[in-house]
N, C-alpha and C. Protein backbone atom coordinates (compact mmCIF):
# COMPACT_ATOMS: atom_id res chain seq x y z
N MET A 1 119.71 -1.71 -29.32
CA MET A 1 119.37 -1.30 -27.95
C MET A 1 118.05 -0.53 -27.95
N GLN A 2 117.18 -0.80 -26.97
CA GLN A 2 115.93 -0.09 -26.84
C GLN A 2 116.18 1.21 -26.07
N ASN A 3 115.74 2.33 -26.66
CA ASN A 3 116.01 3.62 -26.03
C ASN A 3 115.30 3.79 -24.69
N ASP A 4 114.13 3.12 -24.54
CA ASP A 4 113.36 3.27 -23.31
C ASP A 4 113.55 2.10 -22.36
N LEU A 5 114.62 1.35 -22.54
CA LEU A 5 114.85 0.16 -21.73
C LEU A 5 115.05 0.54 -20.27
N LYS A 6 114.36 -0.15 -19.38
CA LYS A 6 114.48 0.10 -17.95
C LYS A 6 115.54 -0.84 -17.36
N TRP A 7 116.20 -0.35 -16.32
CA TRP A 7 117.17 -1.15 -15.58
C TRP A 7 116.59 -1.51 -14.22
N ARG A 8 116.95 -2.66 -13.74
CA ARG A 8 116.56 -3.10 -12.39
C ARG A 8 117.63 -2.63 -11.42
N LEU A 9 117.27 -1.82 -10.44
CA LEU A 9 118.21 -1.31 -9.44
C LEU A 9 118.11 -2.14 -8.17
N ILE A 10 119.26 -2.64 -7.69
CA ILE A 10 119.31 -3.41 -6.45
C ILE A 10 120.28 -2.72 -5.50
N ASP A 11 119.79 -2.27 -4.36
CA ASP A 11 120.62 -1.62 -3.35
C ASP A 11 120.67 -2.55 -2.14
N THR A 12 121.79 -3.23 -1.96
CA THR A 12 121.90 -4.20 -0.86
C THR A 12 122.61 -3.63 0.35
N SER A 13 123.05 -2.35 0.28
CA SER A 13 123.72 -1.73 1.42
C SER A 13 124.97 -2.51 1.79
N PRO A 14 125.67 -2.13 2.88
CA PRO A 14 126.91 -2.83 3.24
C PRO A 14 126.66 -4.26 3.71
N LEU A 15 127.45 -5.19 3.17
CA LEU A 15 127.39 -6.59 3.55
C LEU A 15 128.82 -7.11 3.69
N SER A 16 128.96 -8.33 4.19
CA SER A 16 130.28 -8.94 4.28
C SER A 16 130.82 -9.24 2.89
N GLY A 17 132.13 -9.45 2.81
CA GLY A 17 132.74 -9.77 1.53
C GLY A 17 132.15 -11.02 0.90
N ALA A 18 131.95 -12.06 1.71
CA ALA A 18 131.41 -13.32 1.19
C ALA A 18 130.00 -13.12 0.65
N GLU A 19 129.19 -12.37 1.38
CA GLU A 19 127.82 -12.12 0.92
C GLU A 19 127.81 -11.31 -0.37
N ASN A 20 128.66 -10.29 -0.44
CA ASN A 20 128.71 -9.47 -1.64
C ASN A 20 129.09 -10.27 -2.87
N MET A 21 130.12 -11.11 -2.75
CA MET A 21 130.56 -11.88 -3.89
C MET A 21 129.55 -12.96 -4.27
N ALA A 22 128.85 -13.52 -3.28
CA ALA A 22 127.84 -14.53 -3.57
C ALA A 22 126.67 -13.91 -4.34
N ILE A 23 126.27 -12.69 -3.98
CA ILE A 23 125.18 -12.02 -4.68
C ILE A 23 125.60 -11.68 -6.11
N ASP A 24 126.81 -11.14 -6.28
CA ASP A 24 127.28 -10.84 -7.63
C ASP A 24 127.26 -12.09 -8.51
N GLU A 25 127.76 -13.19 -7.98
CA GLU A 25 127.80 -14.41 -8.79
C GLU A 25 126.40 -14.92 -9.08
N ALA A 26 125.49 -14.81 -8.10
CA ALA A 26 124.12 -15.27 -8.32
C ALA A 26 123.43 -14.43 -9.40
N LEU A 27 123.68 -13.12 -9.40
CA LEU A 27 123.08 -12.26 -10.42
C LEU A 27 123.61 -12.62 -11.81
N LEU A 28 124.90 -12.92 -11.88
CA LEU A 28 125.49 -13.31 -13.16
C LEU A 28 124.92 -14.64 -13.64
N ARG A 29 124.87 -15.63 -12.75
CA ARG A 29 124.46 -16.99 -13.15
C ARG A 29 122.97 -17.07 -13.46
N SER A 30 122.16 -16.21 -12.84
CA SER A 30 120.71 -16.30 -13.04
C SER A 30 120.20 -15.40 -14.16
N PHE A 31 121.08 -14.59 -14.75
CA PHE A 31 120.66 -13.64 -15.77
C PHE A 31 120.33 -14.38 -17.08
N ASP A 32 119.15 -14.08 -17.63
CA ASP A 32 118.72 -14.65 -18.90
C ASP A 32 118.74 -13.54 -19.95
N PRO A 33 119.65 -13.59 -20.92
CA PRO A 33 119.74 -12.51 -21.92
C PRO A 33 118.44 -12.26 -22.67
N ALA A 34 117.60 -13.28 -22.77
CA ALA A 34 116.37 -13.15 -23.55
C ALA A 34 115.23 -12.50 -22.77
N THR A 35 115.25 -12.64 -21.44
CA THR A 35 114.08 -12.19 -20.66
C THR A 35 114.41 -11.24 -19.51
N SER A 36 115.65 -11.20 -19.05
CA SER A 36 115.98 -10.41 -17.87
C SER A 36 116.18 -8.94 -18.21
N LEU A 37 115.73 -8.06 -17.31
CA LEU A 37 116.08 -6.66 -17.42
C LEU A 37 117.56 -6.49 -17.06
N PRO A 38 118.25 -5.52 -17.64
CA PRO A 38 119.62 -5.24 -17.20
C PRO A 38 119.60 -4.81 -15.74
N ILE A 39 120.68 -5.13 -15.02
CA ILE A 39 120.73 -4.93 -13.57
C ILE A 39 121.86 -3.99 -13.19
N LEU A 40 121.58 -3.05 -12.30
CA LEU A 40 122.60 -2.25 -11.64
C LEU A 40 122.47 -2.48 -10.15
N ARG A 41 123.52 -2.99 -9.54
CA ARG A 41 123.53 -3.23 -8.10
C ARG A 41 124.52 -2.29 -7.43
N LEU A 42 124.12 -1.71 -6.28
CA LEU A 42 124.98 -0.84 -5.49
C LEU A 42 125.15 -1.45 -4.11
N TYR A 43 126.39 -1.45 -3.60
CA TYR A 43 126.60 -2.05 -2.27
C TYR A 43 127.88 -1.52 -1.62
N GLY A 44 128.00 -1.81 -0.33
CA GLY A 44 129.19 -1.47 0.43
C GLY A 44 129.74 -2.71 1.11
N TRP A 45 130.76 -2.51 1.94
CA TRP A 45 131.47 -3.62 2.57
C TRP A 45 131.55 -3.39 4.08
N ASN A 46 131.03 -4.33 4.84
CA ASN A 46 131.11 -4.26 6.30
C ASN A 46 131.15 -5.68 6.87
N PRO A 47 132.30 -6.06 7.44
CA PRO A 47 133.52 -5.29 7.65
C PRO A 47 134.36 -5.18 6.36
N PRO A 48 135.43 -4.36 6.40
CA PRO A 48 136.31 -4.28 5.23
C PRO A 48 136.86 -5.66 4.87
N ALA A 49 137.18 -5.84 3.60
CA ALA A 49 137.68 -7.14 3.13
C ALA A 49 138.64 -6.93 1.97
N LEU A 50 139.42 -7.95 1.70
CA LEU A 50 140.30 -7.99 0.53
C LEU A 50 139.66 -8.90 -0.51
N SER A 51 139.67 -8.48 -1.75
CA SER A 51 139.19 -9.36 -2.82
C SER A 51 140.32 -9.66 -3.78
N LEU A 52 140.39 -10.91 -4.17
CA LEU A 52 141.35 -11.37 -5.16
C LEU A 52 140.71 -11.37 -6.53
N GLY A 53 141.52 -11.13 -7.57
CA GLY A 53 141.05 -11.34 -8.93
C GLY A 53 140.82 -12.82 -9.17
N ARG A 54 140.04 -13.12 -10.16
CA ARG A 54 139.62 -14.50 -10.44
C ARG A 54 140.78 -15.48 -10.54
N PHE A 55 141.92 -15.05 -11.06
CA PHE A 55 143.02 -15.98 -11.33
C PHE A 55 144.16 -15.86 -10.32
N GLN A 56 144.01 -15.05 -9.29
CA GLN A 56 145.08 -14.89 -8.31
C GLN A 56 145.05 -15.99 -7.26
N LYS A 57 146.23 -16.26 -6.68
CA LYS A 57 146.35 -17.21 -5.58
C LYS A 57 146.74 -16.44 -4.33
N ALA A 58 145.93 -16.56 -3.29
CA ALA A 58 146.11 -15.76 -2.08
C ALA A 58 147.51 -15.90 -1.50
N ALA A 59 148.02 -17.13 -1.44
CA ALA A 59 149.32 -17.36 -0.81
C ALA A 59 150.46 -16.71 -1.58
N GLU A 60 150.26 -16.46 -2.87
CA GLU A 60 151.32 -15.87 -3.69
C GLU A 60 151.38 -14.36 -3.58
N VAL A 61 150.25 -13.71 -3.28
CA VAL A 61 150.22 -12.25 -3.33
C VAL A 61 149.94 -11.58 -1.99
N LEU A 62 149.36 -12.30 -1.03
CA LEU A 62 148.97 -11.69 0.24
C LEU A 62 149.83 -12.16 1.40
N ASP A 63 150.00 -11.29 2.38
CA ASP A 63 150.63 -11.64 3.65
C ASP A 63 149.52 -12.26 4.51
N LEU A 64 149.36 -13.56 4.38
CA LEU A 64 148.23 -14.23 5.02
C LEU A 64 148.29 -14.16 6.54
N ALA A 65 149.49 -14.16 7.10
CA ALA A 65 149.62 -14.07 8.55
C ALA A 65 149.07 -12.74 9.05
N ARG A 66 149.39 -11.67 8.36
CA ARG A 66 148.87 -10.36 8.77
C ARG A 66 147.36 -10.29 8.58
N CYS A 67 146.86 -10.84 7.48
CA CYS A 67 145.42 -10.85 7.26
C CYS A 67 144.70 -11.57 8.39
N ARG A 68 145.26 -12.73 8.81
CA ARG A 68 144.64 -13.47 9.90
C ARG A 68 144.73 -12.69 11.21
N ALA A 69 145.88 -12.09 11.47
CA ALA A 69 146.07 -11.35 12.72
C ALA A 69 145.09 -10.19 12.83
N ASP A 70 144.80 -9.53 11.71
CA ASP A 70 143.89 -8.38 11.72
C ASP A 70 142.44 -8.77 11.47
N GLY A 71 142.20 -10.06 11.25
CA GLY A 71 140.84 -10.51 11.02
C GLY A 71 140.22 -10.01 9.73
N VAL A 72 141.05 -9.80 8.70
CA VAL A 72 140.56 -9.29 7.42
C VAL A 72 140.18 -10.46 6.52
N ALA A 73 138.93 -10.48 6.12
CA ALA A 73 138.44 -11.56 5.26
C ALA A 73 139.02 -11.44 3.85
N ILE A 74 139.17 -12.58 3.19
CA ILE A 74 139.67 -12.63 1.82
C ILE A 74 138.62 -13.33 0.97
N VAL A 75 138.19 -12.69 -0.10
CA VAL A 75 137.20 -13.28 -0.99
C VAL A 75 137.72 -13.21 -2.43
N ARG A 76 137.02 -13.86 -3.33
CA ARG A 76 137.43 -13.88 -4.73
C ARG A 76 136.32 -13.29 -5.60
N ARG A 77 136.71 -12.39 -6.51
CA ARG A 77 135.75 -11.81 -7.45
C ARG A 77 135.53 -12.75 -8.64
N VAL A 78 134.44 -12.51 -9.35
CA VAL A 78 134.19 -13.30 -10.56
C VAL A 78 134.95 -12.72 -11.75
N THR A 79 135.57 -11.56 -11.57
CA THR A 79 136.36 -10.93 -12.63
C THR A 79 137.85 -11.05 -12.30
N GLY A 80 138.68 -10.71 -13.28
CA GLY A 80 140.12 -10.75 -13.07
C GLY A 80 140.63 -9.47 -12.43
N GLY A 81 141.94 -9.25 -12.57
CA GLY A 81 142.55 -8.05 -11.99
C GLY A 81 143.30 -8.34 -10.72
N GLY A 82 143.77 -7.26 -10.07
CA GLY A 82 144.58 -7.38 -8.88
C GLY A 82 143.79 -7.27 -7.59
N VAL A 83 144.49 -7.42 -6.48
CA VAL A 83 143.89 -7.35 -5.15
C VAL A 83 143.32 -5.96 -4.89
N ILE A 84 142.16 -5.91 -4.26
CA ILE A 84 141.54 -4.66 -3.85
C ILE A 84 141.19 -4.76 -2.37
N TYR A 85 141.48 -3.68 -1.63
CA TYR A 85 141.04 -3.58 -0.24
C TYR A 85 139.77 -2.74 -0.25
N HIS A 86 138.68 -3.36 0.19
CA HIS A 86 137.36 -2.71 0.14
C HIS A 86 137.00 -2.14 1.50
N ALA A 87 137.01 -0.83 1.61
CA ALA A 87 136.60 -0.13 2.84
C ALA A 87 136.26 1.30 2.44
N ASP A 88 135.23 1.85 3.00
CA ASP A 88 134.85 3.23 2.70
C ASP A 88 134.70 3.44 1.20
N GLU A 89 133.88 2.64 0.58
CA GLU A 89 133.65 2.77 -0.85
C GLU A 89 132.22 2.37 -1.18
N LEU A 90 131.74 2.86 -2.30
CA LEU A 90 130.49 2.40 -2.89
C LEU A 90 130.86 1.56 -4.10
N THR A 91 130.42 0.33 -4.12
CA THR A 91 130.75 -0.57 -5.23
C THR A 91 129.51 -0.77 -6.10
N TYR A 92 129.73 -0.87 -7.40
CA TYR A 92 128.62 -1.16 -8.30
C TYR A 92 128.92 -2.46 -9.04
N SER A 93 127.87 -3.16 -9.41
CA SER A 93 128.00 -4.24 -10.37
C SER A 93 126.81 -4.13 -11.32
N LEU A 94 127.04 -4.50 -12.56
CA LEU A 94 125.94 -4.48 -13.53
C LEU A 94 125.99 -5.73 -14.38
N VAL A 95 124.82 -6.16 -14.78
CA VAL A 95 124.67 -7.34 -15.62
C VAL A 95 123.72 -6.99 -16.75
N CYS A 96 124.12 -7.28 -17.96
CA CYS A 96 123.27 -6.98 -19.11
C CYS A 96 123.70 -7.86 -20.27
N SER A 97 122.94 -7.78 -21.36
CA SER A 97 123.35 -8.45 -22.59
C SER A 97 123.93 -7.40 -23.53
N PRO A 98 124.75 -7.79 -24.48
CA PRO A 98 125.29 -6.82 -25.43
C PRO A 98 124.21 -6.06 -26.19
N GLU A 99 123.05 -6.69 -26.39
CA GLU A 99 121.96 -6.05 -27.12
C GLU A 99 121.27 -4.97 -26.30
N GLN A 100 121.53 -4.93 -25.00
CA GLN A 100 120.87 -3.95 -24.13
C GLN A 100 121.67 -2.67 -23.95
N ILE A 101 122.82 -2.57 -24.61
CA ILE A 101 123.64 -1.36 -24.57
C ILE A 101 123.95 -0.94 -26.00
N PRO A 102 124.39 0.31 -26.20
CA PRO A 102 124.74 0.73 -27.56
C PRO A 102 125.82 -0.18 -28.16
N ALA A 103 125.74 -0.39 -29.45
CA ALA A 103 126.69 -1.27 -30.13
C ALA A 103 128.11 -0.74 -29.97
N THR A 104 129.05 -1.64 -29.73
CA THR A 104 130.45 -1.28 -29.57
C THR A 104 131.30 -2.13 -30.51
N GLY A 105 132.45 -1.58 -30.88
CA GLY A 105 133.32 -2.29 -31.82
C GLY A 105 134.20 -3.33 -31.17
N SER A 106 134.32 -3.26 -29.85
CA SER A 106 135.20 -4.20 -29.15
C SER A 106 134.80 -4.26 -27.68
N ILE A 107 135.36 -5.25 -26.97
CA ILE A 107 135.11 -5.34 -25.53
C ILE A 107 135.64 -4.10 -24.82
N LYS A 108 136.80 -3.61 -25.23
CA LYS A 108 137.34 -2.40 -24.61
C LYS A 108 136.40 -1.22 -24.79
N ASP A 109 135.81 -1.09 -25.97
CA ASP A 109 134.88 0.01 -26.20
C ASP A 109 133.66 -0.08 -25.29
N SER A 110 133.28 -1.31 -24.92
CA SER A 110 132.11 -1.45 -24.05
C SER A 110 132.37 -0.86 -22.66
N PHE A 111 133.63 -0.83 -22.24
CA PHE A 111 133.94 -0.19 -20.96
C PHE A 111 133.57 1.29 -21.01
N ARG A 112 133.85 1.92 -22.14
CA ARG A 112 133.54 3.35 -22.28
C ARG A 112 132.03 3.58 -22.17
N VAL A 113 131.25 2.67 -22.76
CA VAL A 113 129.79 2.79 -22.69
C VAL A 113 129.29 2.54 -21.26
N LEU A 114 129.78 1.48 -20.65
CA LEU A 114 129.23 1.05 -19.36
C LEU A 114 129.73 1.86 -18.17
N THR A 115 130.77 2.65 -18.35
CA THR A 115 131.25 3.49 -17.26
C THR A 115 130.90 4.96 -17.47
N GLY A 116 130.12 5.24 -18.52
CA GLY A 116 129.74 6.63 -18.77
C GLY A 116 129.01 7.26 -17.61
N PHE A 117 128.20 6.46 -16.88
CA PHE A 117 127.46 7.02 -15.75
C PHE A 117 128.42 7.46 -14.63
N LEU A 118 129.57 6.80 -14.53
CA LEU A 118 130.54 7.19 -13.51
C LEU A 118 131.16 8.54 -13.83
N LEU A 119 131.49 8.77 -15.09
CA LEU A 119 132.04 10.07 -15.47
C LEU A 119 131.02 11.17 -15.21
N ALA A 120 129.75 10.91 -15.51
CA ALA A 120 128.71 11.91 -15.25
C ALA A 120 128.59 12.17 -13.74
N PHE A 121 128.71 11.12 -12.93
CA PHE A 121 128.64 11.27 -11.47
C PHE A 121 129.77 12.15 -10.97
N TYR A 122 130.99 11.88 -11.41
CA TYR A 122 132.13 12.66 -10.95
C TYR A 122 132.07 14.10 -11.43
N ARG A 123 131.57 14.30 -12.64
CA ARG A 123 131.41 15.68 -13.12
C ARG A 123 130.41 16.43 -12.26
N GLY A 124 129.38 15.74 -11.80
CA GLY A 124 128.40 16.35 -10.91
C GLY A 124 128.99 16.79 -9.59
N LEU A 125 130.12 16.19 -9.21
CA LEU A 125 130.82 16.59 -7.98
C LEU A 125 131.83 17.69 -8.23
N GLY A 126 131.91 18.15 -9.48
CA GLY A 126 132.84 19.23 -9.81
C GLY A 126 134.21 18.76 -10.24
N LEU A 127 134.38 17.45 -10.46
CA LEU A 127 135.67 16.91 -10.89
C LEU A 127 135.74 16.91 -12.42
N GLU A 128 136.92 16.64 -12.94
CA GLU A 128 137.13 16.53 -14.38
C GLU A 128 137.69 15.14 -14.68
N PRO A 129 136.83 14.13 -14.67
CA PRO A 129 137.29 12.75 -14.88
C PRO A 129 137.59 12.46 -16.34
N ALA A 130 138.45 11.49 -16.57
CA ALA A 130 138.78 11.05 -17.92
C ALA A 130 139.28 9.62 -17.84
N TYR A 131 139.28 8.93 -18.97
CA TYR A 131 139.83 7.59 -19.02
C TYR A 131 141.35 7.67 -19.13
N ALA A 132 142.03 6.71 -18.53
CA ALA A 132 143.49 6.71 -18.56
C ALA A 132 144.00 6.74 -19.99
N ALA A 133 143.33 6.02 -20.89
CA ALA A 133 143.78 5.96 -22.28
C ALA A 133 143.75 7.33 -22.96
N ASP A 134 142.92 8.23 -22.44
CA ASP A 134 142.77 9.54 -23.07
C ASP A 134 143.70 10.60 -22.51
N VAL A 135 144.33 10.33 -21.35
CA VAL A 135 145.09 11.41 -20.70
C VAL A 135 146.53 11.04 -20.34
N VAL A 136 146.91 9.77 -20.41
CA VAL A 136 148.27 9.43 -20.00
C VAL A 136 149.27 9.98 -21.01
N PRO A 137 150.45 10.35 -20.57
CA PRO A 137 151.47 10.87 -21.49
C PRO A 137 151.82 9.84 -22.56
N GLU A 138 152.20 10.34 -23.71
CA GLU A 138 152.60 9.46 -24.81
C GLU A 138 153.77 8.59 -24.38
N GLY A 139 153.69 7.33 -24.69
CA GLY A 139 154.75 6.39 -24.32
C GLY A 139 154.50 5.67 -23.01
N SER A 140 153.47 6.09 -22.25
CA SER A 140 153.16 5.42 -20.99
C SER A 140 152.57 4.04 -21.27
N ARG A 141 152.82 3.11 -20.36
CA ARG A 141 152.32 1.76 -20.51
C ARG A 141 151.01 1.60 -19.76
N LEU A 142 150.02 1.07 -20.44
CA LEU A 142 148.74 0.74 -19.81
C LEU A 142 148.52 -0.76 -19.93
N GLY A 143 147.76 -1.30 -19.00
CA GLY A 143 147.43 -2.72 -19.07
C GLY A 143 148.48 -3.63 -18.48
N GLU A 144 149.49 -3.07 -17.81
CA GLU A 144 150.52 -3.90 -17.19
C GLU A 144 149.91 -4.66 -16.01
N ARG A 145 150.15 -5.96 -15.95
CA ARG A 145 149.58 -6.78 -14.88
C ARG A 145 150.28 -6.47 -13.56
N THR A 146 149.50 -6.17 -12.54
CA THR A 146 150.04 -5.92 -11.20
C THR A 146 149.22 -6.72 -10.20
N ALA A 147 149.87 -7.18 -9.13
CA ALA A 147 149.17 -7.98 -8.13
C ALA A 147 148.19 -7.15 -7.32
N PHE A 148 148.46 -5.83 -7.22
CA PHE A 148 147.61 -4.92 -6.45
C PHE A 148 146.96 -3.94 -7.42
N CYS A 149 145.65 -3.84 -7.37
CA CYS A 149 144.91 -3.08 -8.37
C CYS A 149 145.42 -1.65 -8.52
N PHE A 150 145.65 -0.95 -7.41
CA PHE A 150 146.00 0.47 -7.49
C PHE A 150 147.46 0.71 -7.86
N ALA A 151 148.22 -0.35 -8.07
CA ALA A 151 149.60 -0.19 -8.53
C ALA A 151 149.68 -0.16 -10.05
N GLY A 152 148.59 -0.43 -10.74
CA GLY A 152 148.59 -0.44 -12.19
C GLY A 152 147.49 0.42 -12.76
N ARG A 153 147.51 0.59 -14.08
CA ARG A 153 146.47 1.35 -14.77
C ARG A 153 146.07 0.63 -16.04
N GLU A 154 144.74 0.51 -16.21
CA GLU A 154 144.17 -0.03 -17.43
C GLU A 154 143.63 1.12 -18.28
N SER A 155 143.36 0.83 -19.53
CA SER A 155 142.94 1.88 -20.46
C SER A 155 141.71 2.64 -19.99
N PHE A 156 140.75 1.94 -19.36
CA PHE A 156 139.52 2.60 -18.97
C PHE A 156 139.37 2.74 -17.46
N ASP A 157 140.50 2.75 -16.75
CA ASP A 157 140.48 3.25 -15.38
C ASP A 157 140.14 4.73 -15.45
N ILE A 158 139.46 5.23 -14.43
CA ILE A 158 139.05 6.63 -14.43
C ILE A 158 140.05 7.45 -13.64
N ILE A 159 140.51 8.53 -14.26
CA ILE A 159 141.54 9.40 -13.71
C ILE A 159 140.94 10.77 -13.46
N ALA A 160 141.30 11.40 -12.35
CA ALA A 160 140.90 12.78 -12.07
C ALA A 160 142.06 13.47 -11.38
N GLY A 161 142.44 14.63 -11.88
CA GLY A 161 143.57 15.34 -11.30
C GLY A 161 144.85 14.55 -11.37
N GLY A 162 144.99 13.70 -12.40
CA GLY A 162 146.19 12.88 -12.55
C GLY A 162 146.22 11.66 -11.68
N ARG A 163 145.13 11.40 -10.94
CA ARG A 163 145.10 10.27 -10.00
C ARG A 163 144.03 9.26 -10.39
N LYS A 164 144.32 8.00 -10.14
CA LYS A 164 143.36 6.93 -10.42
C LYS A 164 142.28 6.94 -9.34
N ILE A 165 141.04 7.13 -9.77
CA ILE A 165 139.93 7.09 -8.83
C ILE A 165 139.54 5.65 -8.53
N GLY A 166 139.42 4.84 -9.57
CA GLY A 166 139.04 3.45 -9.36
C GLY A 166 139.11 2.68 -10.66
N GLY A 167 139.14 1.37 -10.54
CA GLY A 167 139.19 0.51 -11.71
C GLY A 167 137.86 -0.16 -11.97
N ASN A 168 137.73 -0.74 -13.13
CA ASN A 168 136.53 -1.45 -13.53
C ASN A 168 136.94 -2.74 -14.21
N ALA A 169 136.24 -3.82 -13.90
CA ALA A 169 136.60 -5.13 -14.47
C ALA A 169 135.36 -5.78 -15.06
N GLN A 170 135.57 -6.63 -16.04
CA GLN A 170 134.46 -7.22 -16.78
C GLN A 170 134.65 -8.72 -16.94
N ARG A 171 133.54 -9.43 -16.96
CA ARG A 171 133.52 -10.87 -17.24
C ARG A 171 132.41 -11.12 -18.24
N ARG A 172 132.67 -11.98 -19.20
CA ARG A 172 131.66 -12.29 -20.20
C ARG A 172 131.36 -13.77 -20.23
N LEU A 173 130.06 -14.09 -20.21
CA LEU A 173 129.58 -15.42 -20.50
C LEU A 173 128.78 -15.33 -21.80
N LYS A 174 128.24 -16.42 -22.27
CA LYS A 174 127.53 -16.40 -23.54
C LYS A 174 126.34 -15.45 -23.47
N GLY A 175 126.42 -14.36 -24.22
CA GLY A 175 125.32 -13.41 -24.28
C GLY A 175 125.16 -12.55 -23.05
N ILE A 176 126.16 -12.53 -22.15
CA ILE A 176 126.02 -11.79 -20.89
C ILE A 176 127.30 -10.99 -20.63
N ILE A 177 127.11 -9.76 -20.18
CA ILE A 177 128.22 -8.92 -19.72
C ILE A 177 128.03 -8.69 -18.23
N PHE A 178 129.06 -8.97 -17.45
CA PHE A 178 129.08 -8.62 -16.03
C PHE A 178 130.23 -7.64 -15.82
N GLN A 179 129.97 -6.54 -15.16
CA GLN A 179 131.02 -5.56 -14.89
C GLN A 179 130.84 -5.00 -13.49
N HIS A 180 131.96 -4.76 -12.81
CA HIS A 180 131.87 -4.05 -11.53
C HIS A 180 133.08 -3.16 -11.32
N GLY A 181 132.92 -2.24 -10.38
CA GLY A 181 133.96 -1.27 -10.06
C GLY A 181 133.57 -0.54 -8.79
N SER A 182 134.35 0.47 -8.42
CA SER A 182 134.10 1.12 -7.13
C SER A 182 134.23 2.62 -7.21
N ILE A 183 133.53 3.29 -6.29
CA ILE A 183 133.63 4.72 -6.08
C ILE A 183 134.20 4.91 -4.68
N PRO A 184 135.48 5.25 -4.56
CA PRO A 184 136.08 5.37 -3.22
C PRO A 184 135.59 6.62 -2.50
N LEU A 185 135.26 6.45 -1.23
CA LEU A 185 134.88 7.59 -0.39
C LEU A 185 136.10 8.13 0.36
N ARG A 186 137.03 7.25 0.66
CA ARG A 186 138.32 7.63 1.23
C ARG A 186 139.40 6.76 0.61
N ASN A 187 140.61 7.27 0.57
CA ASN A 187 141.72 6.52 -0.01
C ASN A 187 142.26 5.51 1.02
N ARG A 188 141.99 4.25 0.78
CA ARG A 188 142.48 3.17 1.65
C ARG A 188 143.50 2.30 0.92
N ALA A 189 144.04 2.80 -0.18
CA ALA A 189 144.97 1.99 -0.98
C ALA A 189 146.21 1.60 -0.19
N ALA A 190 146.76 2.53 0.60
CA ALA A 190 147.97 2.22 1.37
C ALA A 190 147.69 1.13 2.40
N THR A 191 146.49 1.15 2.99
CA THR A 191 146.12 0.08 3.93
C THR A 191 146.08 -1.26 3.21
N GLY A 192 145.47 -1.27 2.03
CA GLY A 192 145.42 -2.50 1.26
C GLY A 192 146.80 -3.02 0.90
N LEU A 193 147.68 -2.10 0.53
CA LEU A 193 149.05 -2.50 0.15
C LEU A 193 149.78 -3.15 1.32
N SER A 194 149.44 -2.75 2.54
CA SER A 194 150.13 -3.32 3.71
C SER A 194 149.83 -4.80 3.89
N TYR A 195 148.78 -5.31 3.24
CA TYR A 195 148.45 -6.73 3.34
C TYR A 195 149.06 -7.56 2.20
N MET A 196 149.78 -6.91 1.32
CA MET A 196 150.42 -7.62 0.22
C MET A 196 151.76 -8.22 0.67
N ARG A 197 152.17 -9.28 0.04
CA ARG A 197 153.49 -9.84 0.35
C ARG A 197 154.57 -8.85 -0.04
N ASP A 198 154.39 -8.17 -1.17
CA ASP A 198 155.31 -7.13 -1.59
C ASP A 198 154.69 -5.79 -1.20
N HIS A 199 155.16 -5.22 -0.07
CA HIS A 199 154.56 -4.00 0.46
C HIS A 199 154.97 -2.75 -0.32
N ASN A 200 155.96 -2.86 -1.17
CA ASN A 200 156.55 -1.67 -1.78
C ASN A 200 156.29 -1.54 -3.28
N MET A 201 155.42 -2.37 -3.84
CA MET A 201 155.22 -2.32 -5.28
C MET A 201 154.65 -0.97 -5.71
N ASN A 202 155.35 -0.35 -6.61
CA ASN A 202 154.89 0.89 -7.24
C ASN A 202 154.26 1.87 -6.25
N MET A 203 154.96 2.13 -5.15
CA MET A 203 154.41 3.01 -4.12
C MET A 203 154.05 4.40 -4.63
N PRO A 204 154.82 5.02 -5.50
CA PRO A 204 154.41 6.34 -5.99
C PRO A 204 153.03 6.34 -6.61
N ARG A 205 152.71 5.30 -7.38
CA ARG A 205 151.40 5.26 -8.01
C ARG A 205 150.31 5.01 -6.99
N VAL A 206 150.58 4.17 -5.98
CA VAL A 206 149.59 3.92 -4.94
C VAL A 206 149.30 5.22 -4.19
N ARG A 207 150.33 6.00 -3.92
CA ARG A 207 150.12 7.27 -3.22
C ARG A 207 149.30 8.23 -4.06
N GLN A 208 149.27 8.03 -5.36
CA GLN A 208 148.52 8.92 -6.24
C GLN A 208 147.06 8.51 -6.36
N ALA A 209 146.65 7.47 -5.64
CA ALA A 209 145.23 7.11 -5.66
C ALA A 209 144.43 8.26 -5.04
N TRP A 210 143.18 8.36 -5.42
CA TRP A 210 142.37 9.51 -5.00
C TRP A 210 142.30 9.61 -3.49
N PRO A 211 142.57 10.79 -2.88
CA PRO A 211 142.68 10.91 -1.44
C PRO A 211 141.36 10.76 -0.68
N SER A 212 140.28 11.37 -1.13
CA SER A 212 139.03 11.30 -0.38
C SER A 212 137.90 11.85 -1.21
N MET A 213 136.72 11.21 -1.07
CA MET A 213 135.52 11.73 -1.71
C MET A 213 134.54 12.20 -0.64
N ALA A 214 134.88 12.04 0.62
CA ALA A 214 133.96 12.38 1.70
C ALA A 214 134.18 13.80 2.18
């Protein structure tokens, strides 16, 4: 990794779900590991939307009738994971090659490297963030697959005050790392859960999502 390597910053402001996902995919597909600068993109969502993980089927996990009645758009991310309701949040995506970041021993370790800026951001707000893998009680299960993102916890989800602030997901192509995640400004997890077919999945954990950053 080059110590003085510059990143390309793209601020697209709030866009529709379809536009946001199209830009993320275009950045991933057009990235050249040999010539492209690493990219950090920041964006919001207007209007709010639901995003599916790459391998989810909308009819299996969402209450489609309610989504249609409320006019909530449904889009698909290029990464895996569970459903996310995007509203009142700042979302980031980054694209880089493995050679453009410090060497890591595994894909999981790369999450620690690529989300370090988020921990620094939260510390700047006076919080005490940590990775779930570093703070969960012994014997707790991490990495359990859940249809709704905030009902589960992955090793490198960021936790503050015992609550999940947000998740991060990654996709890899040959010589390319794509990662994105969110910084919630308000807790809209319960609203998102109301659009799931199973409205009651792991409600205690959903209630423990971060209440507000505003």
